[in-house]
Protein backbone atom coordinates (compact mmCIF):
# COMPACT_ATOMS: atom_id res chain seq x y z
CA MET A 1 86.09 -33.12 -3.36
CA ALA A 2 85.37 -34.23 -6.92
CA SER A 3 88.64 -36.14 -7.09
CA ARG A 4 87.74 -38.13 -3.96
CA LEU A 5 84.38 -38.96 -5.50
CA GLU A 6 86.04 -40.01 -8.75
CA GLN A 7 88.51 -42.20 -6.86
CA ALA A 8 85.69 -43.86 -4.92
CA LEU A 9 83.77 -44.52 -8.14
CA ALA A 10 86.89 -45.99 -9.76
CA ARG A 11 87.37 -48.34 -6.79
CA PHE A 12 83.72 -49.33 -7.01
CA ARG A 13 84.02 -50.09 -10.72
CA ARG A 14 87.18 -52.14 -10.19
CA GLY A 15 85.45 -54.13 -7.47
CA ARG A 16 82.44 -54.79 -9.70
CA HIS A 17 84.71 -55.69 -12.62
CA ALA A 18 86.70 -58.09 -10.46
CA GLU A 19 83.49 -59.84 -9.37
CA GLN A 20 82.50 -60.48 -13.00
CA GLU A 21 85.81 -62.08 -13.95
CA PRO A 22 86.17 -65.81 -13.27
CA ALA A 23 88.16 -66.51 -10.14
CA LYS A 24 91.68 -67.81 -10.67
CA PRO A 25 92.89 -70.64 -8.46
CA PRO A 26 95.03 -69.18 -5.67
CA ARG A 27 98.76 -69.95 -5.63
CA GLY A 28 101.43 -69.53 -2.97
CA SER A 29 101.22 -65.99 -1.66
CA ASP A 30 97.80 -65.54 -3.32
CA ALA A 31 96.45 -68.40 -1.21
CA PHE A 32 97.93 -66.83 1.93
CA ARG A 33 96.45 -63.45 1.05
CA ALA A 34 93.03 -65.00 0.38
CA ARG A 35 93.16 -66.84 3.71
CA VAL A 36 94.12 -63.65 5.56
CA GLU A 37 91.32 -61.69 3.86
CA GLU A 38 88.82 -64.40 4.77
CA ARG A 39 89.98 -64.33 8.39
CA LEU A 40 89.71 -60.54 8.47
CA ARG A 41 86.16 -60.65 7.09
CA ASN A 42 85.25 -63.24 9.70
CA LEU A 43 86.84 -61.12 12.44
CA GLU A 44 84.94 -58.03 11.24
CA GLN A 45 81.67 -59.95 11.43
CA GLN A 46 82.48 -61.16 14.94
CA VAL A 47 83.42 -57.67 16.13
CA SER A 48 80.21 -56.31 14.62
CA GLU A 49 78.20 -58.96 16.47
CA ILE A 50 79.97 -58.17 19.75
CA LYS A 51 79.33 -54.44 19.29
CA GLY A 52 75.64 -55.16 18.80
CA ARG A 53 75.51 -57.29 21.92
CA VAL A 54 77.36 -54.70 24.01
CA ASN A 55 75.01 -51.96 22.77
CA GLY A 56 72.07 -54.15 23.72
CA LEU A 57 73.48 -54.70 27.20
CA ILE A 58 74.09 -50.98 27.67
CA PHE A 59 70.48 -50.18 26.77
CA LEU A 60 69.24 -52.98 29.01
CA VAL A 61 71.18 -51.64 31.99
CA ALA A 62 70.15 -48.05 31.25
CA GLY A 63 66.51 -49.09 30.91
CA THR A 64 66.65 -51.03 34.18
CA ALA A 65 68.21 -48.10 36.01
CA LEU A 66 65.63 -45.70 34.58
CA THR A 67 62.81 -48.05 35.57
CA GLN A 68 64.15 -48.25 39.12
CA VAL A 69 64.35 -44.46 39.35
CA ILE A 70 60.77 -44.10 38.09
CA ILE A 71 59.55 -46.71 40.58
CA LYS A 72 61.31 -44.90 43.47
CA VAL A 73 59.83 -41.55 42.41
CA LEU A 74 56.30 -42.91 42.13
CA GLN A 75 56.31 -44.60 45.55
């Protein structure tokens, strides 16, 4: 367990260290990799937004069905 924690901390430190260094201009395969990473981040954001909308729709439908059941019971 401790080794997993240490590995996670090391990754966190590398990420923070990489943010502090000045960015190098991308070349060849670096440019391709950067473009792919940007597309993946964009796709993750879109999937997250879709998940939120689907969850909202599910709760809307469930709430509507529950309301209809309550109305039928009270009549």
